[in-house]
Amino acid sequence: MSEFLVNLLGERLVNSEKAEVDVHALGSKLSLIGLYFGCSLNGPCKQFNASLCEFYSKFKHSSEHKDKMEIVFVSSDQDQKHWQDFLQEMQWPALPFKDRHKKVSNSNHKELIVSDYWK
């Protein structure tokens, strides 16, 4: 999965502390990755984020498969401050703000499976 993720996301992500996350290392242990496309100024995204944070915390603290799944945030924010503030709420890595344009090409990837939470 490592090469697929590098092609999809690039070599580096960032976490809420602004530390770099190596995509090769991350991808070598994962079986499942969730791409979270969202925007801090969108009400439904903020609601979903709260639920996702709760799920993620429970999963990472109790599942025997906790190291097999990761979420990556792909922002639609136009302002870096909004992106940073929203990222502070998350426990998972994100595409760097400067690379958020990649979401356009990534959203057309045929290997991606998208679930519409709000249907």
PDB file of N, CA and C in Angstrom:
ATOM      1  N   MET A   1       0.817  -1.192   0.000  1.00  0.00           N
ATOM      2  CA  MET A   1       0.000   0.000   0.000  1.00  0.00           C
ATOM      3  C   MET A   1       0.864   1.260   0.000  1.00  0.00           C
ATOM      4  N   SER A   2       2.106   1.130   0.375  1.00  0.00           N
ATOM      5  CA  SER A   2       3.002   2.285   0.487  1.00  0.00           C
ATOM      6  C   SER A   2       3.119   3.079  -0.808  1.00  0.00           C
ATOM      7  N   GLU A   3       3.414   2.412  -1.901  1.00  0.00           N
ATOM      8  CA  GLU A   3       3.595   3.111  -3.176  1.00  0.00           C
ATOM      9  C   GLU A   3       2.298   3.770  -3.639  1.00  0.00           C
ATOM     10  N   PHE A   4       1.195   3.066  -3.446  1.00  0.00           N
ATOM     11  CA  PHE A   4      -0.103   3.632  -3.800  1.00  0.00           C
ATOM     12  C   PHE A   4      -0.338   4.934  -3.036  1.00  0.00           C
ATOM     13  N   LEU A   5      -0.066   4.919  -1.733  1.00  0.00           N
ATOM     14  CA  LEU A   5      -0.277   6.117  -0.913  1.00  0.00           C
ATOM     15  C   LEU A   5       0.654   7.255  -1.303  1.00  0.00           C
ATOM     16  N   VAL A   6       1.905   6.942  -1.602  1.00  0.00           N
ATOM     17  CA  VAL A   6       2.848   7.988  -2.019  1.00  0.00           C
ATOM     18  C   VAL A   6       2.373   8.620  -3.327  1.00  0.00           C
ATOM     19  N   ASN A   7       1.909   7.800  -4.266  1.00  0.00           N
ATOM     20  CA  ASN A   7       1.389   8.334  -5.529  1.00  0.00           C
ATOM     21  C   ASN A   7       0.145   9.188  -5.308  1.00  0.00           C
ATOM     22  N   LEU A   8      -0.653   8.798  -4.347  1.00  0.00           N
ATOM     23  CA  LEU A   8      -1.898   9.494  -4.066  1.00  0.00           C
ATOM     24  C   LEU A   8      -1.700  10.769  -3.257  1.00  0.00           C
ATOM     25  N   LEU A   9      -0.860  10.692  -2.213  1.00  0.00           N
ATOM     26  CA  LEU A   9      -0.754  11.777  -1.234  1.00  0.00           C
ATOM     27  C   LEU A   9       0.566  12.535  -1.248  1.00  0.00           C
ATOM     28  N   GLY A  10       1.584  11.966  -1.864  1.00  0.00           N
ATOM     29  CA  GLY A  10       2.916  12.556  -1.767  1.00  0.00           C
ATOM     30  C   GLY A  10       3.695  11.862  -0.654  1.00  0.00           C
ATOM     31  N   GLU A  11       4.912  12.284  -0.440  1.00  0.00           N
ATOM     32  CA  GLU A  11       5.781  11.591   0.516  1.00  0.00           C
ATOM     33  C   GLU A  11       5.596  12.018   1.959  1.00  0.00           C
ATOM     34  N   ARG A  12       5.015  13.185   2.192  1.00  0.00           N
ATOM     35  CA  ARG A  12       4.903  13.705   3.558  1.00  0.00           C
ATOM     36  C   ARG A  12       3.502  14.226   3.856  1.00  0.00           C
ATOM     37  N   LEU A  13       3.050  13.910   5.054  1.00  0.00           N
ATOM     38  CA  LEU A  13       1.849  14.493   5.624  1.00  0.00           C
ATOM     39  C   LEU A  13       2.284  15.286   6.845  1.00  0.00           C
ATOM     40  N   VAL A  14       1.357  15.951   7.497  1.00  0.00           N
ATOM     41  CA  VAL A  14       1.663  16.652   8.747  1.00  0.00           C
ATOM     42  C   VAL A  14       0.625  16.258   9.791  1.00  0.00           C
ATOM     43  N   ASN A  15       1.051  16.325  11.063  1.00  0.00           N
ATOM     44  CA  ASN A  15       0.086  16.088  12.131  1.00  0.00           C
ATOM     45  C   ASN A  15      -0.267  17.410  12.797  1.00  0.00           C
ATOM     46  N   SER A  16      -1.098  17.363  13.816  1.00  0.00           N
ATOM     47  CA  SER A  16      -1.577  18.601  14.446  1.00  0.00           C
ATOM     48  C   SER A  16      -0.474  19.391  15.136  1.00  0.00           C
ATOM     49  N   GLU A  17       0.654  18.740  15.432  1.00  0.00           N
ATOM     50  CA  GLU A  17       1.805  19.447  16.015  1.00  0.00           C
ATOM     51  C   GLU A  17       2.746  19.977  14.938  1.00  0.00           C
ATOM     52  N   LYS A  18       2.325  19.889  13.686  1.00  0.00           N
ATOM     53  CA  LYS A  18       3.092  20.337  12.516  1.00  0.00           C
ATOM     54  C   LYS A  18       4.318  19.472  12.230  1.00  0.00           C
ATOM     55  N   ALA A  19       4.386  18.305  12.858  1.00  0.00           N
ATOM     56  CA  ALA A  19       5.483  17.374  12.583  1.00  0.00           C
ATOM     57  C   ALA A  19       5.166  16.605  11.300  1.00  0.00           C
ATOM     58  N   GLU A  20       6.210  16.291  10.542  1.00  0.00           N
ATOM     59  CA  GLU A  20       6.023  15.538   9.305  1.00  0.00           C
ATOM     60  C   GLU A  20       5.751  14.070   9.604  1.00  0.00           C
ATOM     61  N   VAL A  21       4.917  13.472   8.778  1.00  0.00           N
ATOM     62  CA  VAL A  21       4.594  12.054   8.860  1.00  0.00           C
ATOM     63  C   VAL A  21       5.032  11.437   7.538  1.00  0.00           C
ATOM     64  N   ASP A  22       5.901  10.447   7.598  1.00  0.00           N
ATOM     65  CA  ASP A  22       6.424   9.787   6.407  1.00  0.00           C
ATOM     66  C   ASP A  22       5.375   8.831   5.847  1.00  0.00           C
ATOM     67  N   VAL A  23       4.945   9.056   4.629  1.00  0.00           N
ATOM     68  CA  VAL A  23       3.895   8.246   4.017  1.00  0.00           C
ATOM     69  C   VAL A  23       4.376   6.823   3.744  1.00  0.00           C
ATOM     70  N   HIS A  24       5.656   6.644   3.379  1.00  0.00           N
ATOM     71  CA  HIS A  24       6.190   5.286   3.174  1.00  0.00           C
ATOM     72  C   HIS A  24       6.059   4.465   4.450  1.00  0.00           C
ATOM     73  N   ALA A  25       6.481   5.023   5.571  1.00  0.00           N
ATOM     74  CA  ALA A  25       6.425   4.310   6.849  1.00  0.00           C
ATOM     75  C   ALA A  25       4.979   4.046   7.254  1.00  0.00           C
ATOM     76  N   LEU A  26       4.134   5.020   7.055  1.00  0.00           N
ATOM     77  CA  LEU A  26       2.727   4.883   7.404  1.00  0.00           C
ATOM     78  C   LEU A  26       2.077   3.788   6.568  1.00  0.00           C
ATOM     79  N   GLY A  27       2.300   3.828   5.273  1.00  0.00           N
ATOM     80  CA  GLY A  27       1.672   2.884   4.357  1.00  0.00           C
ATOM     81  C   GLY A  27       2.137   1.455   4.511  1.00  0.00           C
ATOM     82  N   SER A  28       3.329   1.259   5.045  1.00  0.00           N
ATOM     83  CA  SER A  28       3.866  -0.099   5.168  1.00  0.00           C
ATOM     84  C   SER A  28       3.114  -0.941   6.188  1.00  0.00           C
ATOM     85  N   LYS A  29       2.388  -0.315   7.101  1.00  0.00           N
ATOM     86  CA  LYS A  29       1.688  -1.085   8.132  1.00  0.00           C
ATOM     87  C   LYS A  29       0.168  -1.056   7.997  1.00  0.00           C
ATOM     88  N   LEU A  30      -0.354  -0.265   7.065  1.00  0.00           N
ATOM     89  CA  LEU A  30      -1.802  -0.083   6.965  1.00  0.00           C
ATOM     90  C   LEU A  30      -2.486  -1.102   6.065  1.00  0.00           C
ATOM     91  N   SER A  31      -3.718  -1.419   6.427  1.00  0.00           N
ATOM     92  CA  SER A  31      -4.600  -2.215   5.578  1.00  0.00           C
ATOM     93  C   SER A  31      -5.747  -1.370   5.048  1.00  0.00           C
ATOM     94  N   LEU A  32      -6.048  -0.278   5.768  1.00  0.00           N
ATOM     95  CA  LEU A  32      -7.171   0.578   5.405  1.00  0.00           C
ATOM     96  C   LEU A  32      -6.813   2.029   5.660  1.00  0.00           C
ATOM     97  N   ILE A  33      -7.124   2.878   4.684  1.00  0.00           N
ATOM     98  CA  ILE A  33      -6.920   4.316   4.867  1.00  0.00           C
ATOM     99  C   ILE A  33      -8.202   5.027   4.467  1.00  0.00           C
ATOM    100  N   GLY A  34      -8.600   5.960   5.308  1.00  0.00           N
ATOM    101  CA  GLY A  34      -9.784   6.765   5.025  1.00  0.00           C
ATOM    102  C   GLY A  34      -9.361   8.173   4.674  1.00  0.00           C
ATOM    103  N   LEU A  35      -9.781   8.660   3.532  1.00  0.00           N
ATOM    104  CA  LEU A  35      -9.501  10.041   3.150  1.00  0.00           C
ATOM    105  C   LEU A  35     -10.703  10.886   3.546  1.00  0.00           C
ATOM    106  N   TYR A  36     -10.450  11.850   4.391  1.00  0.00           N
ATOM    107  CA  TYR A  36     -11.506  12.717   4.913  1.00  0.00           C
ATOM    108  C   TYR A  36     -11.406  14.061   4.213  1.00  0.00           C
ATOM    109  N   PHE A  37     -12.299  14.296   3.253  1.00  0.00           N
ATOM    110  CA  PHE A  37     -12.353  15.560   2.527  1.00  0.00           C
ATOM    111  C   PHE A  37     -13.301  16.475   3.295  1.00  0.00           C
ATOM    112  N   GLY A  38     -12.790  17.613   3.770  1.00  0.00           N
ATOM    113  CA  GLY A  38     -13.640  18.486   4.567  1.00  0.00           C
ATOM    114  C   GLY A  38     -13.161  19.923   4.586  1.00  0.00           C
ATOM    115  N   CYS A  39     -13.970  20.764   5.242  1.00  0.00           N
ATOM    116  CA  CYS A  39     -13.688  22.194   5.341  1.00  0.00           C
ATOM    117  C   CYS A  39     -14.133  22.682   6.716  1.00  0.00           C
ATOM    118  N   SER A  40     -13.291  23.449   7.367  1.00  0.00           N
ATOM    119  CA  SER A  40     -13.581  23.906   8.723  1.00  0.00           C
ATOM    120  C   SER A  40     -14.786  24.832   8.802  1.00  0.00           C
ATOM    121  N   LEU A  41     -15.126  25.507   7.730  1.00  0.00           N
ATOM    122  CA  LEU A  41     -16.226  26.468   7.751  1.00  0.00           C
ATOM    123  C   LEU A  41     -17.576  25.836   7.398  1.00  0.00           C
ATOM    124  N   ASN A  42     -17.585  24.553   7.113  1.00  0.00           N
ATOM    125  CA  ASN A  42     -18.796  23.847   6.727  1.00  0.00           C
ATOM    126  C   ASN A  42     -19.417  23.191   7.962  1.00  0.00           C
ATOM    127  N   GLY A  43     -20.649  23.548   8.286  1.00  0.00           N
ATOM    128  CA  GLY A  43     -21.326  23.013   9.467  1.00  0.00           C
ATOM    129  C   GLY A  43     -21.384  21.490   9.512  1.00  0.00           C
ATOM    130  N   PRO A  44     -21.847  20.829   8.434  1.00  0.00           N
ATOM    131  CA  PRO A  44     -21.884  19.367   8.449  1.00  0.00           C
ATOM    132  C   PRO A  44     -20.493  18.734   8.635  1.00  0.00           C
ATOM    133  N   CYS A  45     -19.456  19.344   8.084  1.00  0.00           N
ATOM    134  CA  CYS A  45     -18.092  18.818   8.275  1.00  0.00           C
ATOM    135  C   CYS A  45     -17.689  18.906   9.742  1.00  0.00           C
ATOM    136  N   LYS A  46     -18.028  20.013  10.388  1.00  0.00           N
ATOM    137  CA  LYS A  46     -17.689  20.174  11.802  1.00  0.00           C
ATOM    138  C   LYS A  46     -18.425  19.139  12.654  1.00  0.00           C
ATOM    139  N   GLN A  47     -19.699  18.878  12.336  1.00  0.00           N
ATOM    140  CA  GLN A  47     -20.460  17.860  13.065  1.00  0.00           C
ATOM    141  C   GLN A  47     -19.858  16.478  12.832  1.00  0.00           C
ATOM    142  N   PHE A  48     -19.587  16.171  11.576  1.00  0.00           N
ATOM    143  CA  PHE A  48     -19.007  14.873  11.249  1.00  0.00           C
ATOM    144  C   PHE A  48     -17.646  14.711  11.912  1.00  0.00           C
ATOM    145  N   ASN A  49     -16.859  15.779  11.945  1.00  0.00           N
ATOM    146  CA  ASN A  49     -15.531  15.724  12.547  1.00  0.00           C
ATOM    147  C   ASN A  49     -15.614  15.308  14.015  1.00  0.00           C
ATOM    148  N   ALA A  50     -16.585  15.841  14.741  1.00  0.00           N
ATOM    149  CA  ALA A  50     -16.746  15.482  16.153  1.00  0.00           C
ATOM    150  C   ALA A  50     -17.031  13.984  16.299  1.00  0.00           C
ATOM    151  N   SER A  51     -17.911  13.460  15.456  1.00  0.00           N
ATOM    152  CA  SER A  51     -18.228  12.024  15.496  1.00  0.00           C
ATOM    153  C   SER A  51     -17.030  11.181  15.094  1.00  0.00           C
ATOM    154  N   LEU A  52     -16.320  11.627  14.070  1.00  0.00           N
ATOM    155  CA  LEU A  52     -15.152  10.889  13.599  1.00  0.00           C
ATOM    156  C   LEU A  52     -14.052  10.878  14.659  1.00  0.00           C
ATOM    157  N   CYS A  53     -13.857  11.996  15.340  1.00  0.00           N
ATOM    158  CA  CYS A  53     -12.856  12.057  16.421  1.00  0.00           C
ATOM    159  C   CYS A  53     -13.192  11.061  17.528  1.00  0.00           C
ATOM    160  N   GLU A  54     -14.471  10.968  17.868  1.00  0.00           N
ATOM    161  CA  GLU A  54     -14.903  10.027  18.908  1.00  0.00           C
ATOM    162  C   GLU A  54     -14.648   8.586  18.468  1.00  0.00           C
ATOM    163  N   PHE A  55     -15.050   8.251  17.241  1.00  0.00           N
ATOM    164  CA  PHE A  55     -14.809   6.905  16.714  1.00  0.00           C
ATOM    165  C   PHE A  55     -13.319   6.582  16.695  1.00  0.00           C
ATOM    166  N   TYR A  56     -12.531   7.504  16.171  1.00  0.00           N
ATOM    167  CA  TYR A  56     -11.092   7.298  16.013  1.00  0.00           C
ATOM    168  C   TYR A  56     -10.431   7.034  17.363  1.00  0.00           C
ATOM    169  N   SER A  57     -10.793   7.831  18.349  1.00  0.00           N
ATOM    170  CA  SER A  57     -10.213   7.677  19.679  1.00  0.00           C
ATOM    171  C   SER A  57     -10.548   6.304  20.264  1.00  0.00           C
ATOM    172  N   LYS A  58     -11.801   5.901  20.163  1.00  0.00           N
ATOM    173  CA  LYS A  58     -12.209   4.582  20.675  1.00  0.00           C
ATOM    174  C   LYS A  58     -11.491   3.467  19.922  1.00  0.00           C
ATOM    175  N   PHE A  59     -11.434   3.581  18.600  1.00  0.00           N
ATOM    176  CA  PHE A  59     -10.797   2.553  17.781  1.00  0.00           C
ATOM    177  C   PHE A  59      -9.315   2.419  18.119  1.00  0.00           C
ATOM    178  N   LYS A  60      -8.619   3.534  18.208  1.00  0.00           N
ATOM    179  CA  LYS A  60      -7.176   3.508  18.464  1.00  0.00           C
ATOM    180  C   LYS A  60      -6.845   3.042  19.880  1.00  0.00           C
ATOM    181  N   HIS A  61      -7.775   3.176  20.809  1.00  0.00           N
ATOM    182  CA  HIS A  61      -7.513   2.757  22.188  1.00  0.00           C
ATOM    183  C   HIS A  61      -8.000   1.347  22.500  1.00  0.00           C
ATOM    184  N   SER A  62      -8.844   0.773  21.646  1.00  0.00           N
ATOM    185  CA  SER A  62      -9.415  -0.515  22.020  1.00  0.00           C
ATOM    186  C   SER A  62      -9.302  -1.621  20.975  1.00  0.00           C
ATOM    187  N   SER A  63      -9.023  -1.295  19.756  1.00  0.00           N
ATOM    188  CA  SER A  63      -9.015  -2.312  18.711  1.00  0.00           C
ATOM    189  C   SER A  63      -7.666  -3.010  18.606  1.00  0.00           C
ATOM    190  N   GLU A  64      -7.723  -4.309  18.384  1.00  0.00           N
ATOM    191  CA  GLU A  64      -6.484  -5.052  18.147  1.00  0.00           C
ATOM    192  C   GLU A  64      -5.891  -4.703  16.783  1.00  0.00           C
ATOM    193  N   HIS A  65      -6.671  -4.055  15.944  1.00  0.00           N
ATOM    194  CA  HIS A  65      -6.228  -3.659  14.605  1.00  0.00           C
ATOM    195  C   HIS A  65      -5.903  -2.174  14.519  1.00  0.00           C
ATOM    196  N   LYS A  66      -5.675  -1.527  15.649  1.00  0.00           N
ATOM    197  CA  LYS A  66      -5.496  -0.068  15.688  1.00  0.00           C
ATOM    198  C   LYS A  66      -4.373   0.445  14.796  1.00  0.00           C
ATOM    199  N   ASP A  67      -3.357  -0.370  14.540  1.00  0.00           N
ATOM    200  CA  ASP A  67      -2.242   0.064  13.693  1.00  0.00           C
ATOM    201  C   ASP A  67      -2.473  -0.229  12.213  1.00  0.00           C
ATOM    202  N   LYS A  68      -3.618  -0.787  11.882  1.00  0.00           N
ATOM    203  CA  LYS A  68      -3.908  -1.174  10.498  1.00  0.00           C
ATOM    204  C   LYS A  68      -4.765  -0.153   9.756  1.00  0.00           C
ATOM    205  N   MET A  69      -5.284   0.857  10.485  1.00  0.00           N
ATOM    206  CA  MET A  69      -6.161   1.846   9.875  1.00  0.00           C
ATOM    207  C   MET A  69      -5.684   3.251  10.204  1.00  0.00           C
ATOM    208  N   GLU A  70      -5.788   4.141   9.211  1.00  0.00           N
ATOM    209  CA  GLU A  70      -5.473   5.551   9.451  1.00  0.00           C
ATOM    210  C   GLU A  70      -6.410   6.408   8.615  1.00  0.00           C
ATOM    211  N   ILE A  71      -6.617   7.613   9.099  1.00  0.00           N
ATOM    212  CA  ILE A  71      -7.400   8.626   8.395  1.00  0.00           C
ATOM    213  C   ILE A  71      -6.435   9.721   7.967  1.00  0.00           C
ATOM    214  N   VAL A  72      -6.654  10.290   6.799  1.00  0.00           N
ATOM    215  CA  VAL A  72      -5.869  11.439   6.333  1.00  0.00           C
ATOM    216  C   VAL A  72      -6.855  12.540   5.950  1.00  0.00           C
ATOM    217  N   PHE A  73      -6.657  13.713   6.515  1.00  0.00           N
ATOM    218  CA  PHE A  73      -7.510  14.865   6.227  1.00  0.00           C
ATOM    219  C   PHE A  73      -7.022  15.579   4.976  1.00  0.00           C
ATOM    220  N   VAL A  74      -7.958  15.821   4.051  1.00  0.00           N
ATOM    221  CA  VAL A  74      -7.679  16.575   2.832  1.00  0.00           C
ATOM    222  C   VAL A  74      -8.605  17.790   2.868  1.00  0.00           C
ATOM    223  N   SER A  75      -8.032  18.951   3.064  1.00  0.00           N
ATOM    224  CA  SER A  75      -8.802  20.161   3.330  1.00  0.00           C
ATOM    225  C   SER A  75      -9.294  20.867   2.073  1.00  0.00           C
ATOM    226  N   SER A  76     -10.464  21.475   2.223  1.00  0.00           N
ATOM    227  CA  SER A  76     -10.985  22.390   1.205  1.00  0.00           C
ATOM    228  C   SER A  76     -10.887  23.832   1.679  1.00  0.00           C
ATOM    229  N   ASP A  77     -10.271  24.046   2.832  1.00  0.00           N
ATOM    230  CA  ASP A  77     -10.119  25.404   3.359  1.00  0.00           C
ATOM    231  C   ASP A  77      -9.258  26.248   2.427  1.00  0.00           C
ATOM    232  N   GLN A  78      -9.617  27.510   2.294  1.00  0.00           N
ATOM    233  CA  GLN A  78      -8.853  28.444   1.474  1.00  0.00           C
ATOM    234  C   GLN A  78      -7.868  29.262   2.301  1.00  0.00           C
ATOM    235  N   ASP A  79      -7.949  29.142   3.607  1.00  0.00           N
ATOM    236  CA  ASP A  79      -7.149  29.942   4.524  1.00  0.00           C
ATOM    237  C   ASP A  79      -6.356  29.003   5.439  1.00  0.00           C
ATOM    238  N   GLN A  80      -5.051  29.225   5.531  1.00  0.00           N
ATOM    239  CA  GLN A  80      -4.207  28.333   6.321  1.00  0.00           C
ATOM    240  C   GLN A  80      -4.568  28.358   7.808  1.00  0.00           C
ATOM    241  N   LYS A  81      -4.978  29.483   8.327  1.00  0.00           N
ATOM    242  CA  LYS A  81      -5.353  29.572   9.742  1.00  0.00           C
ATOM    243  C   LYS A  81      -6.556  28.678  10.035  1.00  0.00           C
ATOM    244  N   HIS A  82      -7.569  28.713   9.172  1.00  0.00           N
ATOM    245  CA  HIS A  82      -8.730  27.837   9.362  1.00  0.00           C
ATOM    246  C   HIS A  82      -8.309  26.372   9.292  1.00  0.00           C
ATOM    247  N   TRP A  83      -7.443  26.042   8.344  1.00  0.00           N
ATOM    248  CA  TRP A  83      -6.939  24.670   8.203  1.00  0.00           C
ATOM    249  C   TRP A  83      -6.226  24.242   9.483  1.00  0.00           C
ATOM    250  N   GLN A  84      -5.339  25.092   9.996  1.00  0.00           N
ATOM    251  CA  GLN A  84      -4.582  24.763  11.208  1.00  0.00           C
ATOM    252  C   GLN A  84      -5.502  24.589  12.409  1.00  0.00           C
ATOM    253  N   ASP A  85      -6.463  25.480  12.562  1.00  0.00           N
ATOM    254  CA  ASP A  85      -7.392  25.386  13.692  1.00  0.00           C
ATOM    255  C   ASP A  85      -8.198  24.091  13.633  1.00  0.00           C
ATOM    256  N   PHE A  86      -8.660  23.720  12.449  1.00  0.00           N
ATOM    257  CA  PHE A  86      -9.438  22.488  12.288  1.00  0.00           C
ATOM    258  C   PHE A  86      -8.551  21.269  12.538  1.00  0.00           C
ATOM    259  N   LEU A  87      -7.332  21.316  12.052  1.00  0.00           N
ATOM    260  CA  LEU A  87      -6.398  20.205  12.238  1.00  0.00           C
ATOM    261  C   LEU A  87      -6.110  19.963  13.718  1.00  0.00           C
ATOM    262  N   GLN A  88      -6.142  21.007  14.529  1.00  0.00           N
ATOM    263  CA  GLN A  88      -5.894  20.864  15.967  1.00  0.00           C
ATOM    264  C   GLN A  88      -6.925  19.957  16.642  1.00  0.00           C
ATOM    265  N   GLU A  89      -8.100  19.844  16.061  1.00  0.00           N
ATOM    266  CA  GLU A  89      -9.151  18.994  16.618  1.00  0.00           C
ATOM    267  C   GLU A  89      -8.930  17.521  16.281  1.00  0.00           C
ATOM    268  N   MET A  90      -8.051  17.241  15.346  1.00  0.00           N
ATOM    269  CA  MET A  90      -7.885  15.890  14.803  1.00  0.00           C
ATOM    270  C   MET A  90      -6.670  15.184  15.387  1.00  0.00           C
ATOM    271  N   GLN A  91      -6.772  13.863  15.449  1.00  0.00           N
ATOM    272  CA  GLN A  91      -5.670  13.046  15.950  1.00  0.00           C
ATOM    273  C   GLN A  91      -4.946  12.322  14.816  1.00  0.00           C
ATOM    274  N   TRP A  92      -5.322  12.598  13.604  1.00  0.00           N
ATOM    275  CA  TRP A  92      -4.750  11.912  12.437  1.00  0.00           C
ATOM    276  C   TRP A  92      -4.007  12.917  11.562  1.00  0.00           C
ATOM    277  N   PRO A  93      -3.170  12.429  10.661  1.00  0.00           N
ATOM    278  CA  PRO A  93      -2.394  13.333   9.799  1.00  0.00           C
ATOM    279  C   PRO A  93      -3.249  13.955   8.695  1.00  0.00           C
ATOM    280  N   ALA A  94      -2.669  14.965   8.075  1.00  0.00           N
ATOM    281  CA  ALA A  94      -3.356  15.687   7.003  1.00  0.00           C
ATOM    282  C   ALA A  94      -2.401  15.958   5.855  1.00  0.00           C
ATOM    283  N   LEU A  95      -2.982  16.151   4.696  1.00  0.00           N
ATOM    284  CA  LEU A  95      -2.216  16.656   3.565  1.00  0.00           C
ATOM    285  C   LEU A  95      -1.779  18.071   3.931  1.00  0.00           C
ATOM    286  N   PRO A  96      -0.517  18.426   3.738  1.00  0.00           N
ATOM    287  CA  PRO A  96      -0.088  19.794   4.056  1.00  0.00           C
ATOM    288  C   PRO A  96      -0.960  20.823   3.329  1.00  0.00           C
ATOM    289  N   PHE A  97      -1.161  21.962   3.962  1.00  0.00           N
ATOM    290  CA  PHE A  97      -2.020  23.007   3.387  1.00  0.00           C
ATOM    291  C   PHE A  97      -1.593  23.361   1.965  1.00  0.00           C
ATOM    292  N   LYS A  98      -0.303  23.463   1.742  1.00  0.00           N
ATOM    293  CA  LYS A  98       0.192  23.849   0.416  1.00  0.00           C
ATOM    294  C   LYS A  98      -0.108  22.794  -0.648  1.00  0.00           C
ATOM    295  N   ASP A  99      -0.421  21.562  -0.223  1.00  0.00           N
ATOM    296  CA  ASP A  99      -0.701  20.475  -1.166  1.00  0.00           C
ATOM    297  C   ASP A  99      -2.189  20.166  -1.294  1.00  0.00           C
ATOM    298  N   ARG A 100      -3.048  20.996  -0.699  1.00  0.00           N
ATOM    299  CA  ARG A 100      -4.474  20.691  -0.689  1.00  0.00           C
ATOM    300  C   ARG A 100      -5.076  20.618  -2.095  1.00  0.00           C
ATOM    301  N   HIS A 101      -4.419  21.251  -3.070  1.00  0.00           N
ATOM    302  CA  HIS A 101      -4.908  21.188  -4.455  1.00  0.00           C
ATOM    303  C   HIS A 101      -4.898  19.762  -4.995  1.00  0.00           C
ATOM    304  N   LYS A 102      -4.107  18.875  -4.384  1.00  0.00           N
ATOM    305  CA  LYS A 102      -4.045  17.485  -4.843  1.00  0.00           C
ATOM    306  C   LYS A 102      -5.392  16.793  -4.724  1.00  0.00           C
ATOM    307  N   LYS A 103      -6.253  17.322  -3.862  1.00  0.00           N
ATOM    308  CA  LYS A 103      -7.546  16.678  -3.656  1.00  0.00           C
ATOM    309  C   LYS A 103      -8.361  16.589  -4.942  1.00  0.00           C
ATOM    310  N   VAL A 104      -8.154  17.539  -5.844  1.00  0.00           N
ATOM    311  CA  VAL A 104      -8.900  17.528  -7.098  1.00  0.00           C
ATOM    312  C   VAL A 104      -8.523  16.299  -7.911  1.00  0.00           C
ATOM    313  N   SER A 105      -7.233  16.053  -8.060  1.00  0.00           N
ATOM    314  CA  SER A 105      -6.819  14.876  -8.825  1.00  0.00           C
ATOM    315  C   SER A 105      -7.083  13.596  -8.045  1.00  0.00           C
ATOM    316  N   ASN A 106      -6.952  13.633  -6.722  1.00  0.00           N
ATOM    317  CA  ASN A 106      -7.190  12.433  -5.926  1.00  0.00           C
ATOM    318  C   ASN A 106      -8.651  12.011  -5.951  1.00  0.00           C
ATOM    319  N   SER A 107      -9.553  12.972  -5.986  1.00  0.00           N
ATOM    320  CA  SER A 107     -10.968  12.622  -5.941  1.00  0.00           C
ATOM    321  C   SER A 107     -11.417  11.900  -7.206  1.00  0.00           C
ATOM    322  N   ASN A 108     -10.602  11.932  -8.253  1.00  0.00           N
ATOM    323  CA  ASN A 108     -10.921  11.222  -9.483  1.00  0.00           C
ATOM    324  C   ASN A 108     -10.253   9.850  -9.559  1.00  0.00           C
ATOM    325  N   HIS A 109      -9.522   9.473  -8.524  1.00  0.00           N
ATOM    326  CA  HIS A 109      -8.821   8.190  -8.510  1.00  0.00           C
ATOM    327  C   HIS A 109      -9.825   7.047  -8.479  1.00  0.00           C
ATOM    328  N   LYS A 110      -9.751   6.120  -9.413  1.00  0.00           N
ATOM    329  CA  LYS A 110     -10.753   5.058  -9.470  1.00  0.00           C
ATOM    330  C   LYS A 110     -10.634   4.067  -8.318  1.00  0.00           C
ATOM    331  N   GLU A 111      -9.485   4.023  -7.634  1.00  0.00           N
ATOM    332  CA  GLU A 111      -9.338   3.105  -6.508  1.00  0.00           C
ATOM    333  C   GLU A 111     -10.005   3.618  -5.234  1.00  0.00           C
ATOM    334  N   LEU A 112     -10.399   4.879  -5.225  1.00  0.00           N
ATOM    335  CA  LEU A 112     -10.998   5.450  -4.027  1.00  0.00           C
ATOM    336  C   LEU A 112     -12.453   5.022  -3.904  1.00  0.00           C
ATOM    337  N   ILE A 113     -12.832   4.681  -2.690  1.00  0.00           N
ATOM    338  CA  ILE A 113     -14.217   4.357  -2.395  1.00  0.00           C
ATOM    339  C   ILE A 113     -14.730   5.470  -1.499  1.00  0.00           C
ATOM    340  N   VAL A 114     -15.798   6.110  -1.914  1.00  0.00           N
ATOM    341  CA  VAL A 114     -16.317   7.254  -1.172  1.00  0.00           C
ATOM    342  C   VAL A 114     -17.648   6.874  -0.544  1.00  0.00           C
ATOM    343  N   SER A 115     -17.788   7.185   0.721  1.00  0.00           N
ATOM    344  CA  SER A 115     -19.037   6.948   1.425  1.00  0.00           C
ATOM    345  C   SER A 115     -19.649   8.294   1.772  1.00  0.00           C
ATOM    346  N   ASP A 116     -20.895   8.488   1.410  1.00  0.00           N
ATOM    347  CA  ASP A 116     -21.570   9.744   1.720  1.00  0.00           C
ATOM    348  C   ASP A 116     -22.276   9.594   3.063  1.00  0.00           C
ATOM    349  N   TYR A 117     -21.681  10.148   4.088  1.00  0.00           N
ATOM    350  CA  TYR A 117     -22.182  10.044   5.457  1.00  0.00           C
ATOM    351  C   TYR A 117     -23.568  10.657   5.599  1.00  0.00           C
ATOM    352  N   TRP A 118     -23.880  11.661   4.809  1.00  0.00           N
ATOM    353  CA  TRP A 118     -25.110  12.433   5.029  1.00  0.00           C
ATOM    354  C   TRP A 118     -26.313  11.904   4.269  1.00  0.00           C
ATOM    355  N   LYS A 119     -26.198  10.818   3.529  1.00  0.00           N
ATOM    356  CA  LYS A 119     -27.364  10.274   2.802  1.00  0.00           C
ATOM    357  C   LYS A 119     -28.298   9.573   3.753  1.00  0.00           C
TER     358      LYS A 119
END
